[in-house]
C-alpha atoms as a PDB file:
ATOM      1  CA  MET A   1       0.000   0.000   0.000  1.00  0.00           C
ATOM      2  CA  THR A   2       2.872   2.355   0.885  1.00  0.00           C
ATOM      3  CA  THR A   3       4.601   1.704  -2.431  1.00  0.00           C
ATOM      4  CA  ASP A   4       1.327   2.194  -4.311  1.00  0.00           C
ATOM      5  CA  THR A   5       0.755   5.541  -2.558  1.00  0.00           C
ATOM      6  CA  LYS A   6       4.332   6.618  -3.253  1.00  0.00           C
ATOM      7  CA  ASP A   7       4.074   5.681  -6.948  1.00  0.00           C
ATOM      8  CA  LYS A   8       0.777   7.552  -7.320  1.00  0.00           C
ATOM      9  CA  ILE A   9       2.261  10.715  -5.827  1.00  0.00           C
ATOM     10  CA  ILE A  10       5.374  10.564  -8.014  1.00  0.00           C
ATOM     11  CA  ALA A  11       3.322   9.854 -11.157  1.00  0.00           C
ATOM     12  CA  TYR A  12       0.970  12.744 -10.404  1.00  0.00           C
ATOM     13  CA  ILE A  13       3.801  15.225  -9.833  1.00  0.00           C
ATOM     14  CA  ARG A  14       5.718  13.966 -12.866  1.00  0.00           C
ATOM     15  CA  TYR A  15       2.641  14.573 -15.021  1.00  0.00           C
ATOM     16  CA  HIS A  16       1.596  17.955 -13.592  1.00  0.00           C
ATOM     17  CA  GLY A  17       5.073  19.299 -12.892  1.00  0.00           C
ATOM     18  CA  GLN A  18       4.157  20.271  -9.335  1.00  0.00           C
ATOM     19  CA  ALA A  19       1.469  19.646  -6.751  1.00  0.00           C
ATOM     20  CA  ARG A  20       0.212  20.820  -3.383  1.00  0.00           C
ATOM     21  CA  ALA A  21      -0.585  18.291  -0.667  1.00  0.00           C
ATOM     22  CA  GLN A  22      -4.233  19.252  -1.090  1.00  0.00           C
ATOM     23  CA  ASP A  23      -4.105  18.412  -4.819  1.00  0.00           C
ATOM     24  CA  LEU A  24      -2.799  14.957  -3.986  1.00  0.00           C
ATOM     25  CA  PHE A  25      -5.340  13.841  -1.415  1.00  0.00           C
ATOM     26  CA  GLU A  26      -8.265  15.397  -3.282  1.00  0.00           C
ATOM     27  CA  THR A  27      -7.378  13.985  -6.687  1.00  0.00           C
ATOM     28  CA  LEU A  28      -5.808  10.641  -5.789  1.00  0.00           C
ATOM     29  CA  GLY A  29      -8.255   9.684  -3.051  1.00  0.00           C
ATOM     30  CA  ILE A  30      -5.475   9.246  -0.472  1.00  0.00           C
ATOM     31  CA  SER A  31      -5.902  10.339   3.145  1.00  0.00           C
ATOM     32  CA  ARG A  32      -4.240  13.543   4.356  1.00  0.00           C
ATOM     33  CA  VAL A  33      -2.144  11.567   6.839  1.00  0.00           C
ATOM     34  CA  ALA A  34      -0.860   9.170   4.166  1.00  0.00           C
ATOM     35  CA  VAL A  35      -0.061  12.032   1.764  1.00  0.00           C
ATOM     36  CA  HIS A  36       1.919  14.043   4.316  1.00  0.00           C
ATOM     37  CA  LYS A  37       3.720  10.905   5.515  1.00  0.00           C
ATOM     38  CA  GLN A  38       4.827  10.048   1.979  1.00  0.00           C
ATOM     39  CA  LEU A  39       5.758  13.632   1.118  1.00  0.00           C
ATOM     40  CA  LYS A  40       8.016  13.798   4.178  1.00  0.00           C
ATOM     41  CA  LYS A  41       9.646  10.499   3.238  1.00  0.00           C
ATOM     42  CA  LEU A  42      10.130  11.519  -0.409  1.00  0.00           C
ATOM     43  CA  LEU A  43      11.712  14.802   0.693  1.00  0.00           C
ATOM     44  CA  GLU A  44      14.126  12.945   2.973  1.00  0.00           C
ATOM     45  CA  GLU A  45      15.031  10.554   0.133  1.00  0.00           C
ATOM     46  CA  GLY A  46      15.737  13.451  -2.198  1.00  0.00           C
ATOM     47  CA  VAL A  47      13.006  12.417  -4.639  1.00  0.00           C
ATOM     48  CA  LEU A  48      11.000  15.621  -4.143  1.00  0.00           C
ATOM     49  CA  VAL A  49      11.842  19.276  -3.597  1.00  0.00           C
ATOM     50  CA  ARG A  50       9.612  21.647  -1.637  1.00  0.00           C
ATOM     51  CA  VAL A  51       8.985  25.063  -3.178  1.00  0.00           C
ATOM     52  CA  GLY A  52       7.422  28.087  -1.465  1.00  0.00           C
ATOM     53  CA  LYS A  53       6.436  28.862   2.105  1.00  0.00           C
ATOM     54  CA  PRO A  54       3.290  28.080   4.095  1.00  0.00           C
ATOM     55  CA  PRO A  55       0.466  28.432   3.341  1.00  0.00           C
ATOM     56  CA  ILE A  56       1.460  28.078  -0.340  1.00  0.00           C
ATOM     57  CA  VAL A  57       3.790  25.094  -0.709  1.00  0.00           C
ATOM     58  CA  PHE A  58       4.336  23.029  -3.855  1.00  0.00           C
ATOM     59  CA  TYR A  59       6.260  19.814  -4.359  1.00  0.00           C
ATOM     60  CA  THR A  60       8.256  19.017  -7.503  1.00  0.00           C
ATOM     61  CA  LEU A  61      10.556  16.201  -8.576  1.00  0.00           C
ATOM     62  CA  SER A  62      14.197  16.869  -7.852  1.00  0.00           C
ATOM     63  CA  PRO A  63      16.265  17.549 -11.018  1.00  0.00           C
ATOM     64  CA  ASP A  64      18.112  14.243 -10.675  1.00  0.00           C
ATOM     65  CA  VAL A  65      14.928  12.185 -10.428  1.00  0.00           C
ATOM     66  CA  ALA A  66      13.268  14.078 -13.274  1.00  0.00           C
ATOM     67  CA  VAL A  67      15.886  12.915 -15.798  1.00  0.00           C
ATOM     68  CA  THR A  68      16.945   9.557 -14.353  1.00  0.00           C
ATOM     69  CA  GLN A  69      15.323   6.319 -15.495  1.00  0.00           C
ATOM     70  CA  THR A  70      15.481   2.879 -13.900  1.00  0.00           C
ATOM     71  CA  SER A  71      16.750  -0.200 -15.722  1.00  0.00           C
ATOM     72  CA  GLU A  72      13.136  -1.265 -16.245  1.00  0.00           C
ATOM     73  CA  THR A  73      12.239   1.822 -18.263  1.00  0.00           C
ATOM     74  CA  GLY A  74      15.527   2.177 -20.107  1.00  0.00           C
ATOM     75  CA  HIS A  75      17.731   5.231 -20.542  1.00  0.00           C
ATOM     76  CA  PHE A  76      16.604   8.073 -22.766  1.00  0.00           C
ATOM     77  CA  PRO A  77      17.757  11.526 -23.848  1.00  0.00           C
ATOM     78  CA  ALA A  78      16.143  14.281 -21.799  1.00  0.00           C
ATOM     79  CA  TYR A  79      14.087  15.460 -24.775  1.00  0.00           C
ATOM     80  CA  THR A  80      12.653  11.976 -25.358  1.00  0.00           C
ATOM     81  CA  GLN A  81      11.612  11.741 -21.731  1.00  0.00           C
ATOM     82  CA  GLN A  82      10.042  15.205 -21.823  1.00  0.00           C
ATOM     83  CA  ILE A  83       7.902  14.288 -24.842  1.00  0.00           C
ATOM     84  CA  ILE A  84       6.772  11.005 -23.310  1.00  0.00           C
ATOM     85  CA  ASP A  85       6.086  12.570 -19.910  1.00  0.00           C
ATOM     86  CA  ALA A  86       3.969  15.260 -21.551  1.00  0.00           C
ATOM     87  CA  HIS A  87       2.007  13.095 -23.996  1.00  0.00           C
ATOM     88  CA  PHE A  88       1.760   9.459 -22.932  1.00  0.00           C
ATOM     89  CA  LEU A  89      -0.852   7.751 -20.801  1.00  0.00           C
ATOM     90  CA  SER A  90      -1.554   4.066 -20.254  1.00  0.00           C
ATOM     91  CA  ILE A  91      -4.640   2.776 -18.464  1.00  0.00           C
ATOM     92  CA  THR A  92      -4.313  -0.665 -16.901  1.00  0.00           C
ATOM     93  CA  PRO A  93      -7.133  -3.260 -17.005  1.00  0.00           C
ATOM     94  CA  ASP A  94      -7.872  -2.534 -13.330  1.00  0.00           C
ATOM     95  CA  GLY A  95      -8.240   1.197 -13.998  1.00  0.00           C
ATOM     96  CA  LYS A  96      -4.901   2.650 -12.943  1.00  0.00           C
ATOM     97  CA  LEU A  97      -3.803   5.751 -14.856  1.00  0.00           C
ATOM     98  CA  LEU A  98      -0.079   5.544 -15.554  1.00  0.00           C
ATOM     99  CA  TYR A  99       1.321   8.800 -16.897  1.00  0.00           C
ATOM    100  CA  GLY A 100       4.543   9.540 -18.735  1.00  0.00           C
ATOM    101  CA  MET A 101       7.508   7.179 -18.611  1.00  0.00           C
ATOM    102  CA  VAL A 102       5.832   4.892 -16.079  1.00  0.00           C
ATOM    103  CA  GLY A 103       2.896   4.363 -18.424  1.00  0.00           C
ATOM    104  CA  PHE A 104       5.096   4.073 -21.495  1.00  0.00           C
ATOM    105  CA  ALA A 105       7.238   1.371 -19.906  1.00  0.00           C
ATOM    106  CA  HIS A 106       4.106  -0.543 -18.864  1.00  0.00           C
ATOM    107  CA  TRP A 107       2.621  -0.282 -22.372  1.00  0.00           C
ATOM    108  CA  ALA A 108       5.862  -1.230 -24.171  1.00  0.00           C
ATOM    109  CA  GLN A 109       6.429  -4.265 -21.957  1.00  0.00           C
ATOM    110  CA  ASN A 110       2.937  -5.529 -22.769  1.00  0.00           C
ATOM    111  CA  TYR A 111       2.549  -4.624 -26.449  1.00  0.00           C
ATOM    112  CA  GLN A 112       6.050  -4.146 -27.883  1.00  0.00           C
ATOM    113  CA  LYS A 113       7.955  -6.999 -26.266  1.00  0.00           C
ATOM    114  CA  ASN A 114      10.029  -7.771 -29.350  1.00  0.00           C
ATOM    115  CA  LYS A 115      11.606  -4.327 -29.595  1.00  0.00           C
ATOM    116  CA  PRO A 116      14.048  -2.538 -27.281  1.00  0.00           C
ATOM    117  CA  ILE A 117      12.128   0.092 -25.345  1.00  0.00           C
ATOM    118  CA  GLU A 118      14.578   2.765 -26.489  1.00  0.00           C
ATOM    119  CA  THR A 119      13.666   2.023 -30.127  1.00  0.00           C
ATOM    120  CA  VAL A 120       9.961   2.165 -29.355  1.00  0.00           C
ATOM    121  CA  ALA A 121      10.467   5.468 -27.536  1.00  0.00           C
ATOM    122  CA  GLU A 122      12.256   6.971 -30.546  1.00  0.00           C
ATOM    123  CA  GLU A 123       9.390   5.878 -32.817  1.00  0.00           C
ATOM    124  CA  TYR A 124       6.849   7.467 -30.472  1.00  0.00           C
ATOM    125  CA  VAL A 125       8.717  10.778 -30.261  1.00  0.00           C
ATOM    126  CA  THR A 126       9.026  10.867 -34.071  1.00  0.00           C
ATOM    127  CA  LYS A 127       5.284  10.299 -34.385  1.00  0.00           C
ATOM    128  CA  VAL A 128       4.482  13.099 -31.925  1.00  0.00           C
ATOM    129  CA  GLN A 129       6.847  15.486 -33.712  1.00  0.00           C
ATOM    130  CA  GLU A 130       5.216  14.720 -37.067  1.00  0.00           C
ATOM    131  CA  GLN A 131       1.760  15.433 -35.669  1.00  0.00           C
ATOM    132  CA  LYS A 132       2.923  18.685 -34.074  1.00  0.00           C
ATOM    133  CA  LYS A 133       3.375  20.118 -37.565  1.00  0.00           C
ATOM    134  CA  LEU A 134      -0.408  20.046 -37.951  1.00  0.00           C
ATOM    135  CA  PHE A 135      -0.945  22.458 -35.064  1.00  0.00           C
ATOM    136  CA  SER A 136      -1.334  26.185 -35.536  1.00  0.00           C
ATOM    137  CA  ALA A 137       0.557  28.777 -33.527  1.00  0.00           C
ATOM    138  CA  GLU A 138      -2.526  29.110 -31.316  1.00  0.00           C
ATOM    139  CA  GLY A 139      -2.241  25.463 -30.275  1.00  0.00           C
ATOM    140  CA  TRP A 140      -5.023  23.723 -32.209  1.00  0.00           C
ATOM    141  CA  ILE A 141      -5.492  21.922 -35.518  1.00  0.00           C
ATOM    142  CA  ASP A 142      -7.531  23.841 -38.103  1.00  0.00           C
ATOM    143  CA  ALA A 143      -9.212  21.280 -40.376  1.00  0.00           C
ATOM    144  CA  THR A 144     -11.496  23.787 -42.094  1.00  0.00           C
ATOM    145  CA  SER A 145      -9.805  23.483 -45.501  1.00  0.00           C
ATOM    146  CA  LYS A 146     -10.148  19.702 -45.362  1.00  0.00           C
ATOM    147  CA  LEU A 147     -13.836  20.086 -44.542  1.00  0.00           C
ATOM    148  CA  VAL A 148     -14.412  22.476 -47.450  1.00  0.00           C
ATOM    149  CA  ASP A 149     -12.549  20.188 -49.852  1.00  0.00           C
ATOM    150  CA  THR A 150     -14.688  17.232 -48.778  1.00  0.00           C
ATOM    151  CA  PHE A 151     -18.118  18.887 -48.714  1.00  0.00           C
ATOM    152  CA  THR A 152     -19.258  21.375 -51.341  1.00  0.00           C
ATOM    153  CA  GLU A 153     -21.833  22.839 -48.980  1.00  0.00           C
ATOM    154  CA  THR A 154     -21.521  23.031 -45.208  1.00  0.00           C
ATOM    155  CA  PRO A 155     -22.897  25.392 -42.567  1.00  0.00           C
ATOM    156  CA  ILE A 156     -19.751  24.935 -40.470  1.00  0.00           C
ATOM    157  CA  THR A 157     -17.400  27.908 -40.724  1.00  0.00           C
ATOM    158  CA  HIS A 158     -14.502  26.449 -38.718  1.00  0.00           C
ATOM    159  CA  LEU A 159     -13.509  22.903 -37.774  1.00  0.00           C
ATOM    160  CA  LEU A 160     -10.910  22.838 -35.009  1.00  0.00           C
ATOM    161  CA  PHE A 161      -9.300  20.030 -33.039  1.00  0.00           C
ATOM    162  CA  GLU A 162      -7.423  20.312 -29.781  1.00  0.00           C
ATOM    163  CA  GLU A 163      -5.680  16.961 -30.189  1.00  0.00           C
ATOM    164  CA  ILE A 164      -5.072  14.042 -32.540  1.00  0.00           C
ATOM    165  CA  TYR A 165      -7.453  11.160 -31.796  1.00  0.00           C
ATOM    166  CA  SER A 166      -4.895   8.370 -32.105  1.00  0.00           C
ATOM    167  CA  TYR A 167      -1.428   7.446 -33.367  1.00  0.00           C
ATOM    168  CA  ARG A 168      -0.757   4.449 -35.549  1.00  0.00           C
ATOM    169  CA  THR A 169       0.853   1.671 -33.475  1.00  0.00           C
ATOM    170  CA  PHE A 170       0.467   3.612 -30.218  1.00  0.00           C
ATOM    171  CA  GLY A 171      -3.306   3.937 -30.195  1.00  0.00           C
ATOM    172  CA  ARG A 172      -5.362   6.733 -28.645  1.00  0.00           C
ATOM    173  CA  THR A 173      -3.673   9.903 -27.449  1.00  0.00           C
ATOM    174  CA  LYS A 174      -3.688  10.926 -23.801  1.00  0.00           C
ATOM    175  CA  LEU A 175      -6.688  13.231 -24.161  1.00  0.00           C
ATOM    176  CA  SER A 176      -8.682  10.579 -26.031  1.00  0.00           C
ATOM    177  CA  LYS A 177      -7.965   8.018 -23.325  1.00  0.00           C
ATOM    178  CA  LEU A 178      -8.815  10.424 -20.510  1.00  0.00           C
ATOM    179  CA  VAL A 179     -12.144  11.417 -22.066  1.00  0.00           C
ATOM    180  CA  MET A 180     -13.048   7.797 -22.795  1.00  0.00           C
ATOM    181  CA  TYR A 181     -12.136   6.651 -19.276  1.00  0.00           C
ATOM    182  CA  ALA A 182     -13.934   9.557 -17.593  1.00  0.00           C
ATOM    183  CA  LYS A 183     -17.037   8.816 -19.651  1.00  0.00           C
ATOM    184  CA  GLN A 184     -16.941   5.108 -18.828  1.00  0.00           C
ATOM    185  CA  THR A 185     -16.364   5.545 -15.103  1.00  0.00           C
ATOM    186  CA  GLY A 186     -18.273   8.762 -14.464  1.00  0.00           C
ATOM    187  CA  ASP A 187     -15.314   9.931 -12.378  1.00  0.00           C
ATOM    188  CA  LYS A 188     -16.271  13.530 -11.561  1.00  0.00           C
ATOM    189  CA  LYS A 189     -12.829  14.466 -10.236  1.00  0.00           C
ATOM    190  CA  LEU A 190     -11.219  13.285 -13.454  1.00  0.00           C
ATOM    191  CA  ILE A 191     -13.846  15.106 -15.530  1.00  0.00           C
ATOM    192  CA  ASP A 192     -13.139  18.309 -13.589  1.00  0.00           C
ATOM    193  CA  GLN A 193      -9.405  17.801 -14.067  1.00  0.00           C
ATOM    194  CA  ILE A 194      -9.782  17.372 -17.836  1.00  0.00           C
ATOM    195  CA  ALA A 195     -12.032  20.425 -18.083  1.00  0.00           C
ATOM    196  CA  GLU A 196      -9.607  22.581 -16.097  1.00  0.00           C
ATOM    197  CA  SER A 197      -6.597  21.409 -18.128  1.00  0.00           C
ATOM    198  CA  TYR A 198      -8.136  22.241 -21.498  1.00  0.00           C
ATOM    199  CA  LYS A 199     -10.129  25.301 -20.461  1.00  0.00           C
ATOM    200  CA  PRO A 200      -7.465  27.817 -21.641  1.00  0.00           C
ATOM    201  CA  ILE A 201      -7.474  26.624 -25.246  1.00  0.00           C
ATOM    202  CA  ILE A 202     -11.284  26.596 -25.365  1.00  0.00           C
ATOM    203  CA  GLU A 203     -11.316  30.146 -24.049  1.00  0.00           C
ATOM    204  CA  ALA A 204      -8.746  31.109 -26.695  1.00  0.00           C
ATOM    205  CA  VAL A 205     -10.978  29.723 -29.465  1.00  0.00           C
ATOM    206  CA  ILE A 206     -14.016  31.560 -28.085  1.00  0.00           C
ATOM    207  CA  LYS A 207     -12.068  34.838 -27.968  1.00  0.00           C
ATOM    208  CA  LYS A 208     -10.475  34.509 -31.414  1.00  0.00           C
ATOM    209  CA  TYR A 209     -13.715  33.711 -33.238  1.00  0.00           C
ATOM    210  CA  HIS A 210     -16.003  35.898 -31.094  1.00  0.00           C
ATOM    211  CA  ILE A 211     -18.243  32.985 -30.134  1.00  0.00           C
ATOM    212  CA  GLU A 212     -21.319  34.156 -28.257  1.00  0.00           C
ATOM    213  CA  ALA A 213     -22.777  30.805 -27.269  1.00  0.00           C
ATOM    214  CA  VAL A 214     -21.710  27.174 -27.020  1.00  0.00           C
ATOM    215  CA  ALA A 215     -23.984  24.153 -27.428  1.00  0.00           C
ATOM    216  CA  PHE A 216     -23.691  20.395 -27.493  1.00  0.00           C
ATOM    217  CA  ILE A 217     -26.416  18.372 -29.197  1.00  0.00           C
ATOM    218  CA  PRO A 218     -26.078  14.641 -28.384  1.00  0.00           C
ATOM    219  CA  PRO A 219     -26.785  12.282 -31.327  1.00  0.00           C
ATOM    220  CA  THR A 220     -29.582  10.693 -29.306  1.00  0.00           C
ATOM    221  CA  THR A 221     -31.368  14.040 -29.109  1.00  0.00           C
ATOM    222  CA  MET A 222     -31.380  14.497 -32.868  1.00  0.00           C
ATOM    223  CA  SER A 223     -32.069  10.875 -33.823  1.00  0.00           C
ATOM    224  CA  GLY A 224     -35.805  11.199 -33.208  1.00  0.00           C
ATOM    225  CA  ALA A 225     -36.149  14.532 -34.949  1.00  0.00           C
ATOM    226  CA  PRO A 226     -37.574  14.936 -38.480  1.00  0.00           C
ATOM    227  CA  PRO A 227     -34.937  14.723 -41.264  1.00  0.00           C
ATOM    228  CA  ALA A 228     -35.110  18.475 -41.869  1.00  0.00           C
ATOM    229  CA  ALA A 229     -34.084  19.146 -38.275  1.00  0.00           C
ATOM    230  CA  ARG A 230     -31.066  16.869 -38.256  1.00  0.00           C
ATOM    231  CA  SER A 231     -28.658  19.054 -40.190  1.00  0.00           C
ATOM    232  CA  PRO A 232     -25.821  20.816 -38.346  1.00  0.00           C
ATOM    233  CA  ARG A 233     -27.307  24.177 -39.369  1.00  0.00           C
ATOM    234  CA  GLN A 234     -30.645  23.353 -37.781  1.00  0.00           C
ATOM    235  CA  ALA A 235     -29.025  22.006 -34.630  1.00  0.00           C
ATOM    236  CA  TRP A 236     -27.026  25.182 -34.174  1.00  0.00           C
ATOM    237  CA  SER A 237     -29.910  27.521 -34.958  1.00  0.00           C
ATOM    238  CA  CYS A 238     -31.987  25.790 -32.281  1.00  0.00           C
ATOM    239  CA  ALA A 239     -29.221  25.706 -29.685  1.00  0.00           C
ATOM    240  CA  ALA A 240     -27.629  29.112 -30.198  1.00  0.00           C
ATOM    241  CA  PRO A 241     -29.723  31.315 -32.468  1.00  0.00           C
ATOM    242  CA  SER A 242     -27.615  34.403 -31.741  1.00  0.00           C
ATOM    243  CA  SER A 243     -24.362  32.750 -32.713  1.00  0.00           C
ATOM    244  CA  PRO A 244     -23.205  31.509 -36.134  1.00  0.00           C
ATOM    245  CA  PRO A 245     -22.232  27.835 -36.354  1.00  0.00           C
ATOM    246  CA  ARG A 246     -18.688  27.092 -35.294  1.00  0.00           C
END
C-alpha cells in the first residue's frame, strides 16, 4: 500500500510538474495523513523538492529524479523523456492511470515486447513530432480546408481540433484516453481535471472567433427529430440562435 501511494504521488507530480498536498489527497483519493507521511519520506530521500512557504507550498521532482530512469524503463535523452512525460498515458485493465515514462514502460512491456524500449520510444517521439506540424501557432489543428474540400456545402465555418485522436501503433492519445475513461467511469474528479486542463485553449478559441454561445447536441437528441431538423445548421440555430455555427 505504501509503495502504491508513493508511486501515485510521483506519477501525479511527474505529469503535472508540481502539486500541493491538497491536490494529492483530493485527486488521488489518499488520506491527508498518508499524503503528508509520503511527502516527508520523499523529501528525505531526495526524490522531491519543496517550493514556497506556508500556506502556499508546492512539491516538484528533484532535477536528478526528473531525468533519471530505472533499468526497467531504459535510458533516454532528456528530450525523449520530456515528450513522453507530456504526452503518454496508459490505463491498466484494473483502472490505474499511468502517466509519462511509467505508463510508457508498462505499455511497451505488454505490447512491444520484441523491440528494445529505447527504439519504441524513438518511434513514439518521431510520431508526436510529425503530428505537431499540424498544429497552428494558437495550439489547435484547423481542419477547415479539409472540410471544405470534402463537402461542397456546409454550414460549419470552422472545424478545429485540440488533439489528434490516435497514433498508428500507439493507439489513442492521452486526451482521447482520458475522455473515454472519464465517460466510462463517471469519475467527476477526473472530468473536472480534464475540463480545467483544457479550459485555456477553449477560451482562446471563443475569444479569437467571437463565439457568443456554445452548445452540445447529443446524437440521441437528434435521432428522433424529423430529417429536416437533423442538419448541423438546424441544430445550431436551435441551440444558439444568436451565434453563427462554429
